[in-house]
């Protein structure tokens, strides 16, 4: 939901978070895309906050063209919202959208596990052995938990050998980023839960991993209302500190 007067809510990058050096033309759009997305994922922006192209271009030291193209790509990936004749806006998932994302994410991972092949597993193991990954210590910090969940889910998808499936899971990781940060704070046994998922993945226990992922996502679907309230109100609380 957009704010009543979005023109008064402008996203301005802090000088110490960006470089005034203009990126090379060959990598301008990709570099600007990465920098804006990193800021979107690092901060829970207020729903309806205007991402003003001119201001972003000035702060990033580039023309408006790569900024516009980067925002268009982010909108296509559903990380922000584009409103015709109004511009680009930060977004927060609604309850229905978040519930749908959890359901689709579970479906994708379930499909990936059913498609696991020996060849894909050997290739994935060569890059990063799953036993080592499964035994790495877990922090209870939400940022670390979120990063580990993202890594695990991409590993599960990659082992299917289907590149496009892994790409979709990466996009869902981005779209669920802020919700997962909240999960890490309000779910008391989040560390134990994630540790179990990693162990099942490391053991290549497909059947039990599928069951655990179903329980993992069902639990979050039941918490959607609480998660969305946190997502909606935290930006405003931060503004008033």
C-alpha atoms as a PDB file:
ATOM      1  CA  UNK A   1       0.000   0.000   0.000  1.00  0.00           C
ATOM      2  CA  UNK A   2       1.357   3.373  -1.032  1.00  0.00           C
ATOM      3  CA  UNK A   3       1.559   6.261   1.394  1.00  0.00           C
ATOM      4  CA  UNK A   4      -1.000   9.025   1.161  1.00  0.00           C
ATOM      5  CA  UNK A   5       1.567  11.435  -0.222  1.00  0.00           C
ATOM      6  CA  UNK A   6       4.461   9.382  -1.639  1.00  0.00           C
ATOM      7  CA  UNK A   7       6.147  12.470  -3.077  1.00  0.00           C
ATOM      8  CA  UNK A   8       7.139  13.396   0.461  1.00  0.00           C
ATOM      9  CA  UNK A   9       8.752  10.027   1.119  1.00  0.00           C
ATOM     10  CA  UNK A  10      11.987  10.025  -0.877  1.00  0.00           C
ATOM     11  CA  UNK A  11      14.708   7.405  -0.694  1.00  0.00           C
ATOM     12  CA  UNK A  12      18.050   9.204  -0.374  1.00  0.00           C
ATOM     13  CA  UNK A  13      21.307   7.249  -0.165  1.00  0.00           C
ATOM     14  CA  UNK A  14      23.750   8.239   2.545  1.00  0.00           C
ATOM     15  CA  UNK A  15      27.049   9.611   1.274  1.00  0.00           C
ATOM     16  CA  UNK A  16      29.085   7.140   3.321  1.00  0.00           C
ATOM     17  CA  UNK A  17      27.198   4.174   1.810  1.00  0.00           C
ATOM     18  CA  UNK A  18      28.061   4.962  -1.797  1.00  0.00           C
ATOM     19  CA  UNK A  19      30.981   5.974  -3.902  1.00  0.00           C
ATOM     20  CA  UNK A  20      30.969   9.128  -5.985  1.00  0.00           C
ATOM     21  CA  UNK A  21      33.137   7.400  -8.575  1.00  0.00           C
ATOM     22  CA  UNK A  22      31.207   6.689 -11.757  1.00  0.00           C
ATOM     23  CA  UNK A  23      31.270   3.008 -12.757  1.00  0.00           C
ATOM     24  CA  UNK A  24      32.493   1.960 -16.194  1.00  0.00           C
ATOM     25  CA  UNK A  25      29.874   2.052 -18.928  1.00  0.00           C
ATOM     26  CA  UNK A  26      30.105  -1.714 -19.545  1.00  0.00           C
ATOM     27  CA  UNK A  27      29.040  -2.537 -15.988  1.00  0.00           C
ATOM     28  CA  UNK A  28      27.024   0.547 -15.072  1.00  0.00           C
ATOM     29  CA  UNK A  29      23.572  -0.997 -14.971  1.00  0.00           C
ATOM     30  CA  UNK A  30      24.695  -4.214 -13.239  1.00  0.00           C
ATOM     31  CA  UNK A  31      26.692  -2.269 -10.673  1.00  0.00           C
ATOM     32  CA  UNK A  32      23.858   0.147  -9.926  1.00  0.00           C
ATOM     33  CA  UNK A  33      21.407  -2.742  -9.722  1.00  0.00           C
ATOM     34  CA  UNK A  34      23.611  -4.541  -7.194  1.00  0.00           C
ATOM     35  CA  UNK A  35      24.079  -1.437  -5.061  1.00  0.00           C
ATOM     36  CA  UNK A  36      20.410  -0.481  -4.957  1.00  0.00           C
ATOM     37  CA  UNK A  37      19.328  -4.060  -4.249  1.00  0.00           C
ATOM     38  CA  UNK A  38      21.882  -4.343  -1.449  1.00  0.00           C
ATOM     39  CA  UNK A  39      20.397  -1.241   0.178  1.00  0.00           C
ATOM     40  CA  UNK A  40      16.864  -2.526  -0.257  1.00  0.00           C
ATOM     41  CA  UNK A  41      17.796  -5.785   1.444  1.00  0.00           C
ATOM     42  CA  UNK A  42      19.819  -4.089   4.162  1.00  0.00           C
ATOM     43  CA  UNK A  43      17.029  -1.722   5.252  1.00  0.00           C
ATOM     44  CA  UNK A  44      13.334  -2.342   5.819  1.00  0.00           C
ATOM     45  CA  UNK A  45      12.006   0.685   3.954  1.00  0.00           C
ATOM     46  CA  UNK A  46       8.571   2.066   4.697  1.00  0.00           C
ATOM     47  CA  UNK A  47       5.854   0.785   2.341  1.00  0.00           C
ATOM     48  CA  UNK A  48       5.184   3.380  -0.344  1.00  0.00           C
ATOM     49  CA  UNK A  49       8.545   5.098  -0.037  1.00  0.00           C
ATOM     50  CA  UNK A  50       9.404   6.796  -3.335  1.00  0.00           C
ATOM     51  CA  UNK A  51      12.678   5.791  -4.992  1.00  0.00           C
ATOM     52  CA  UNK A  52      13.462   8.997  -6.833  1.00  0.00           C
ATOM     53  CA  UNK A  53      15.554   8.381  -9.941  1.00  0.00           C
ATOM     54  CA  UNK A  54      17.216  11.784 -10.057  1.00  0.00           C
ATOM     55  CA  UNK A  55      18.272  11.668  -6.429  1.00  0.00           C
ATOM     56  CA  UNK A  56      19.602   8.124  -6.770  1.00  0.00           C
ATOM     57  CA  UNK A  57      21.558   9.063  -9.904  1.00  0.00           C
ATOM     58  CA  UNK A  58      23.144  12.049  -8.180  1.00  0.00           C
ATOM     59  CA  UNK A  59      24.103  10.071  -5.084  1.00  0.00           C
ATOM     60  CA  UNK A  60      25.525   7.193  -7.136  1.00  0.00           C
ATOM     61  CA  UNK A  61      27.416   9.503  -9.488  1.00  0.00           C
ATOM     62  CA  UNK A  62      25.792   8.235 -12.683  1.00  0.00           C
ATOM     63  CA  UNK A  63      23.226   9.339 -15.224  1.00  0.00           C
ATOM     64  CA  UNK A  64      19.559   8.565 -14.730  1.00  0.00           C
ATOM     65  CA  UNK A  65      19.560   5.885 -17.458  1.00  0.00           C
ATOM     66  CA  UNK A  66      21.330   3.054 -15.554  1.00  0.00           C
ATOM     67  CA  UNK A  67      19.327   3.921 -12.430  1.00  0.00           C
ATOM     68  CA  UNK A  68      16.056   3.700 -14.337  1.00  0.00           C
ATOM     69  CA  UNK A  69      17.092   0.398 -15.924  1.00  0.00           C
ATOM     70  CA  UNK A  70      18.147  -1.022 -12.556  1.00  0.00           C
ATOM     71  CA  UNK A  71      14.846  -0.020 -10.940  1.00  0.00           C
ATOM     72  CA  UNK A  72      12.932  -1.489 -13.877  1.00  0.00           C
ATOM     73  CA  UNK A  73      14.747  -4.786 -13.359  1.00  0.00           C
ATOM     74  CA  UNK A  74      14.050  -4.717  -9.614  1.00  0.00           C
ATOM     75  CA  UNK A  75      10.372  -4.071 -10.332  1.00  0.00           C
ATOM     76  CA  UNK A  76      10.294  -7.008 -12.770  1.00  0.00           C
ATOM     77  CA  UNK A  77      11.756  -9.159  -9.998  1.00  0.00           C
ATOM     78  CA  UNK A  78       8.981  -7.847  -7.706  1.00  0.00           C
ATOM     79  CA  UNK A  79      11.408  -6.406  -5.172  1.00  0.00           C
ATOM     80  CA  UNK A  80       9.900  -2.942  -5.646  1.00  0.00           C
ATOM     81  CA  UNK A  81       6.694  -1.579  -7.178  1.00  0.00           C
ATOM     82  CA  UNK A  82       6.299   0.506 -10.334  1.00  0.00           C
ATOM     83  CA  UNK A  83       3.222   2.728 -10.548  1.00  0.00           C
ATOM     84  CA  UNK A  84       2.665   4.289 -14.010  1.00  0.00           C
ATOM     85  CA  UNK A  85       3.053   8.083 -14.008  1.00  0.00           C
ATOM     86  CA  UNK A  86       4.054   7.975 -10.327  1.00  0.00           C
ATOM     87  CA  UNK A  87       7.351   6.124 -10.181  1.00  0.00           C
ATOM     88  CA  UNK A  88       9.070   3.332  -8.274  1.00  0.00           C
ATOM     89  CA  UNK A  89       8.210   2.573  -4.662  1.00  0.00           C
ATOM     90  CA  UNK A  90       9.511   0.366  -1.897  1.00  0.00           C
ATOM     91  CA  UNK A  91       7.167  -2.455  -0.967  1.00  0.00           C
ATOM     92  CA  UNK A  92       6.336  -4.852   1.813  1.00  0.00           C
ATOM     93  CA  UNK A  93       4.603  -8.133   1.065  1.00  0.00           C
ATOM     94  CA  UNK A  94       0.932  -8.397   1.987  1.00  0.00           C
ATOM     95  CA  UNK A  95      -0.288 -11.371   4.011  1.00  0.00           C
ATOM     96  CA  UNK A  96      -1.624 -13.075   0.875  1.00  0.00           C
ATOM     97  CA  UNK A  97       1.597 -12.483  -1.044  1.00  0.00           C
ATOM     98  CA  UNK A  98       3.810 -13.679   1.798  1.00  0.00           C
ATOM     99  CA  UNK A  99       1.690 -16.778   2.340  1.00  0.00           C
ATOM    100  CA  UNK A 100       1.916 -17.490  -1.375  1.00  0.00           C
ATOM    101  CA  UNK A 101       5.688 -17.037  -1.376  1.00  0.00           C
ATOM    102  CA  UNK A 102       6.071 -19.564   1.423  1.00  0.00           C
ATOM    103  CA  UNK A 103       3.870 -22.054  -0.428  1.00  0.00           C
ATOM    104  CA  UNK A 104       5.665 -21.613  -3.744  1.00  0.00           C
ATOM    105  CA  UNK A 105       9.080 -21.771  -2.101  1.00  0.00           C
ATOM    106  CA  UNK A 106       8.153 -25.090  -0.485  1.00  0.00           C
ATOM    107  CA  UNK A 107       6.887 -26.391  -3.841  1.00  0.00           C
ATOM    108  CA  UNK A 108      10.090 -25.376  -5.604  1.00  0.00           C
ATOM    109  CA  UNK A 109      12.326 -27.030  -3.023  1.00  0.00           C
ATOM    110  CA  UNK A 110      10.192 -30.172  -2.989  1.00  0.00           C
ATOM    111  CA  UNK A 111      10.465 -30.369  -6.778  1.00  0.00           C
ATOM    112  CA  UNK A 112      14.212 -29.775  -6.609  1.00  0.00           C
ATOM    113  CA  UNK A 113      14.718 -32.621  -4.127  1.00  0.00           C
ATOM    114  CA  UNK A 114      12.728 -35.000  -6.324  1.00  0.00           C
ATOM    115  CA  UNK A 115      15.010 -34.055  -9.221  1.00  0.00           C
ATOM    116  CA  UNK A 116      18.284 -34.600  -7.367  1.00  0.00           C
ATOM    117  CA  UNK A 117      20.708 -36.537  -9.549  1.00  0.00           C
ATOM    118  CA  UNK A 118      24.051 -38.139  -8.776  1.00  0.00           C
ATOM    119  CA  UNK A 119      25.802 -35.992 -11.387  1.00  0.00           C
ATOM    120  CA  UNK A 120      24.367 -32.714 -10.036  1.00  0.00           C
ATOM    121  CA  UNK A 121      25.189 -33.767  -6.488  1.00  0.00           C
ATOM    122  CA  UNK A 122      28.796 -34.587  -7.418  1.00  0.00           C
ATOM    123  CA  UNK A 123      29.177 -31.204  -9.117  1.00  0.00           C
ATOM    124  CA  UNK A 124      27.653 -29.368  -6.163  1.00  0.00           C
ATOM    125  CA  UNK A 125      29.794 -31.325  -3.703  1.00  0.00           C
ATOM    126  CA  UNK A 126      32.939 -30.434  -5.640  1.00  0.00           C
ATOM    127  CA  UNK A 127      32.196 -26.732  -5.191  1.00  0.00           C
ATOM    128  CA  UNK A 128      31.195 -26.859  -1.515  1.00  0.00           C
ATOM    129  CA  UNK A 129      31.008 -30.173   0.372  1.00  0.00           C
ATOM    130  CA  UNK A 130      27.605 -30.494   2.025  1.00  0.00           C
ATOM    131  CA  UNK A 131      28.974 -32.316   5.083  1.00  0.00           C
ATOM    132  CA  UNK A 132      31.195 -29.347   5.913  1.00  0.00           C
ATOM    133  CA  UNK A 133      28.328 -26.926   5.298  1.00  0.00           C
ATOM    134  CA  UNK A 134      25.997 -28.952   7.525  1.00  0.00           C
ATOM    135  CA  UNK A 135      28.484 -29.003  10.394  1.00  0.00           C
ATOM    136  CA  UNK A 136      29.369 -25.297  10.392  1.00  0.00           C
ATOM    137  CA  UNK A 137      28.372 -23.472  13.607  1.00  0.00           C
ATOM    138  CA  UNK A 138      25.189 -21.421  13.492  1.00  0.00           C
ATOM    139  CA  UNK A 139      24.777 -17.950  14.937  1.00  0.00           C
ATOM    140  CA  UNK A 140      21.471 -16.875  16.473  1.00  0.00           C
ATOM    141  CA  UNK A 141      21.762 -13.462  14.818  1.00  0.00           C
ATOM    142  CA  UNK A 142      18.898 -12.920  12.317  1.00  0.00           C
ATOM    143  CA  UNK A 143      21.286 -11.734   9.584  1.00  0.00           C
ATOM    144  CA  UNK A 144      23.395 -14.882   9.864  1.00  0.00           C
ATOM    145  CA  UNK A 145      20.377 -17.177  10.021  1.00  0.00           C
ATOM    146  CA  UNK A 146      18.874 -15.514   6.958  1.00  0.00           C
ATOM    147  CA  UNK A 147      22.129 -15.862   5.037  1.00  0.00           C
ATOM    148  CA  UNK A 148      22.369 -19.547   5.950  1.00  0.00           C
ATOM    149  CA  UNK A 149      18.751 -20.244   4.944  1.00  0.00           C
ATOM    150  CA  UNK A 150      19.398 -18.552   1.596  1.00  0.00           C
ATOM    151  CA  UNK A 151      22.529 -20.633   1.075  1.00  0.00           C
ATOM    152  CA  UNK A 152      20.827 -23.901   2.015  1.00  0.00           C
ATOM    153  CA  UNK A 153      17.850 -23.371  -0.271  1.00  0.00           C
ATOM    154  CA  UNK A 154      20.061 -22.459  -3.239  1.00  0.00           C
ATOM    155  CA  UNK A 155      22.152 -25.576  -2.588  1.00  0.00           C
ATOM    156  CA  UNK A 156      19.016 -27.733  -2.548  1.00  0.00           C
ATOM    157  CA  UNK A 157      17.851 -26.200  -5.834  1.00  0.00           C
ATOM    158  CA  UNK A 158      21.291 -26.412  -7.454  1.00  0.00           C
ATOM    159  CA  UNK A 159      21.577 -30.124  -6.715  1.00  0.00           C
ATOM    160  CA  UNK A 160      18.585 -30.670  -9.005  1.00  0.00           C
ATOM    161  CA  UNK A 161      20.771 -29.726 -11.947  1.00  0.00           C
ATOM    162  CA  UNK A 162      18.095 -27.282 -13.153  1.00  0.00           C
ATOM    163  CA  UNK A 163      19.685 -23.856 -13.424  1.00  0.00           C
ATOM    164  CA  UNK A 164      16.451 -21.919 -13.848  1.00  0.00           C
ATOM    165  CA  UNK A 165      15.013 -23.482 -10.710  1.00  0.00           C
ATOM    166  CA  UNK A 166      18.033 -22.294  -8.721  1.00  0.00           C
ATOM    167  CA  UNK A 167      17.599 -18.790 -10.189  1.00  0.00           C
ATOM    168  CA  UNK A 168      13.958 -18.679  -9.087  1.00  0.00           C
ATOM    169  CA  UNK A 169      14.924 -19.784  -5.573  1.00  0.00           C
ATOM    170  CA  UNK A 170      17.495 -16.948  -5.454  1.00  0.00           C
ATOM    171  CA  UNK A 171      14.756 -14.484  -6.376  1.00  0.00           C
ATOM    172  CA  UNK A 172      12.503 -15.896  -3.657  1.00  0.00           C
ATOM    173  CA  UNK A 173      15.389 -15.518  -1.213  1.00  0.00           C
ATOM    174  CA  UNK A 174      15.483 -11.810  -2.044  1.00  0.00           C
ATOM    175  CA  UNK A 175      11.713 -11.397  -1.839  1.00  0.00           C
ATOM    176  CA  UNK A 176      11.567 -13.208   1.501  1.00  0.00           C
ATOM    177  CA  UNK A 177      14.648 -11.507   2.950  1.00  0.00           C
ATOM    178  CA  UNK A 178      12.914  -9.095   5.312  1.00  0.00           C
ATOM    179  CA  UNK A 179      10.410 -11.731   6.441  1.00  0.00           C
ATOM    180  CA  UNK A 180      13.266 -14.115   7.257  1.00  0.00           C
ATOM    181  CA  UNK A 181      14.959 -11.423   9.310  1.00  0.00           C
ATOM    182  CA  UNK A 182      11.761 -11.192  11.373  1.00  0.00           C
ATOM    183  CA  UNK A 183      11.532 -14.994  11.616  1.00  0.00           C
ATOM    184  CA  UNK A 184      15.022 -15.104  13.106  1.00  0.00           C
ATOM    185  CA  UNK A 185      13.884 -12.819  15.904  1.00  0.00           C
ATOM    186  CA  UNK A 186      10.470 -14.214  16.791  1.00  0.00           C
ATOM    187  CA  UNK A 187      10.975 -17.976  16.337  1.00  0.00           C
ATOM    188  CA  UNK A 188      12.687 -19.197  19.491  1.00  0.00           C
ATOM    189  CA  UNK A 189      14.065 -22.452  18.097  1.00  0.00           C
ATOM    190  CA  UNK A 190      15.068 -21.061  14.691  1.00  0.00           C
ATOM    191  CA  UNK A 191      18.689 -22.166  15.148  1.00  0.00           C
ATOM    192  CA  UNK A 192      17.741 -25.764  16.017  1.00  0.00           C
ATOM    193  CA  UNK A 193      15.243 -25.871  13.170  1.00  0.00           C
ATOM    194  CA  UNK A 194      17.787 -24.709  10.620  1.00  0.00           C
ATOM    195  CA  UNK A 195      20.465 -27.003  12.017  1.00  0.00           C
ATOM    196  CA  UNK A 196      18.155 -29.963  11.462  1.00  0.00           C
ATOM    197  CA  UNK A 197      17.463 -28.924   7.867  1.00  0.00           C
ATOM    198  CA  UNK A 198      21.175 -28.591   7.156  1.00  0.00           C
ATOM    199  CA  UNK A 199      21.879 -32.002   8.660  1.00  0.00           C
ATOM    200  CA  UNK A 200      19.202 -33.702   6.562  1.00  0.00           C
ATOM    201  CA  UNK A 201      20.613 -31.999   3.490  1.00  0.00           C
ATOM    202  CA  UNK A 202      24.147 -33.085   4.395  1.00  0.00           C
ATOM    203  CA  UNK A 203      22.943 -36.667   4.912  1.00  0.00           C
ATOM    204  CA  UNK A 204      21.191 -36.608   1.532  1.00  0.00           C
ATOM    205  CA  UNK A 205      18.031 -37.754   3.329  1.00  0.00           C
ATOM    206  CA  UNK A 206      15.515 -36.698   0.694  1.00  0.00           C
ATOM    207  CA  UNK A 207      12.340 -38.011   2.281  1.00  0.00           C
ATOM    208  CA  UNK A 208      12.946 -36.561   5.735  1.00  0.00           C
ATOM    209  CA  UNK A 209      14.203 -33.267   4.274  1.00  0.00           C
ATOM    210  CA  UNK A 210      11.010 -32.874   2.247  1.00  0.00           C
ATOM    211  CA  UNK A 211       8.916 -33.521   5.365  1.00  0.00           C
ATOM    212  CA  UNK A 212      10.975 -31.070   7.427  1.00  0.00           C
ATOM    213  CA  UNK A 213      10.669 -28.366   4.756  1.00  0.00           C
ATOM    214  CA  UNK A 214       6.906 -28.867   4.636  1.00  0.00           C
ATOM    215  CA  UNK A 215       6.727 -28.355   8.401  1.00  0.00           C
ATOM    216  CA  UNK A 216       9.112 -25.361   8.172  1.00  0.00           C
ATOM    217  CA  UNK A 217       6.942 -23.558   5.624  1.00  0.00           C
ATOM    218  CA  UNK A 218       3.623 -24.492   7.226  1.00  0.00           C
ATOM    219  CA  UNK A 219       4.840 -23.000  10.481  1.00  0.00           C
ATOM    220  CA  UNK A 220       5.610 -19.717   8.752  1.00  0.00           C
ATOM    221  CA  UNK A 221       2.317 -19.622   6.894  1.00  0.00           C
ATOM    222  CA  UNK A 222       0.625 -19.786  10.282  1.00  0.00           C
ATOM    223  CA  UNK A 223       2.753 -16.828  11.448  1.00  0.00           C
ATOM    224  CA  UNK A 224       2.128 -14.622   8.407  1.00  0.00           C
ATOM    225  CA  UNK A 225      -0.050 -12.121  10.260  1.00  0.00           C
ATOM    226  CA  UNK A 226       2.564 -11.512  12.963  1.00  0.00           C
ATOM    227  CA  UNK A 227       5.403 -11.267  10.452  1.00  0.00           C
ATOM    228  CA  UNK A 228       3.519  -8.765   8.276  1.00  0.00           C
ATOM    229  CA  UNK A 229       2.724  -6.557  11.269  1.00  0.00           C
ATOM    230  CA  UNK A 230       6.413  -6.397  12.117  1.00  0.00           C
ATOM    231  CA  UNK A 231       7.301  -5.638   8.498  1.00  0.00           C
ATOM    232  CA  UNK A 232       4.722  -2.864   8.311  1.00  0.00           C
ATOM    233  CA  UNK A 233       5.382  -1.037  11.552  1.00  0.00           C
ATOM    234  CA  UNK A 234       9.124  -1.381  12.124  1.00  0.00           C
ATOM    235  CA  UNK A 235      10.122   1.230   9.500  1.00  0.00           C
ATOM    236  CA  UNK A 236       7.849   3.807  11.103  1.00  0.00           C
ATOM    237  CA  UNK A 237       9.183   2.999  14.568  1.00  0.00           C
ATOM    238  CA  UNK A 238      12.743   3.432  13.278  1.00  0.00           C
ATOM    239  CA  UNK A 239      11.860   6.817  11.753  1.00  0.00           C
ATOM    240  CA  UNK A 240      10.555   8.094  15.089  1.00  0.00           C
ATOM    241  CA  UNK A 241      13.596   7.091  17.152  1.00  0.00           C
END
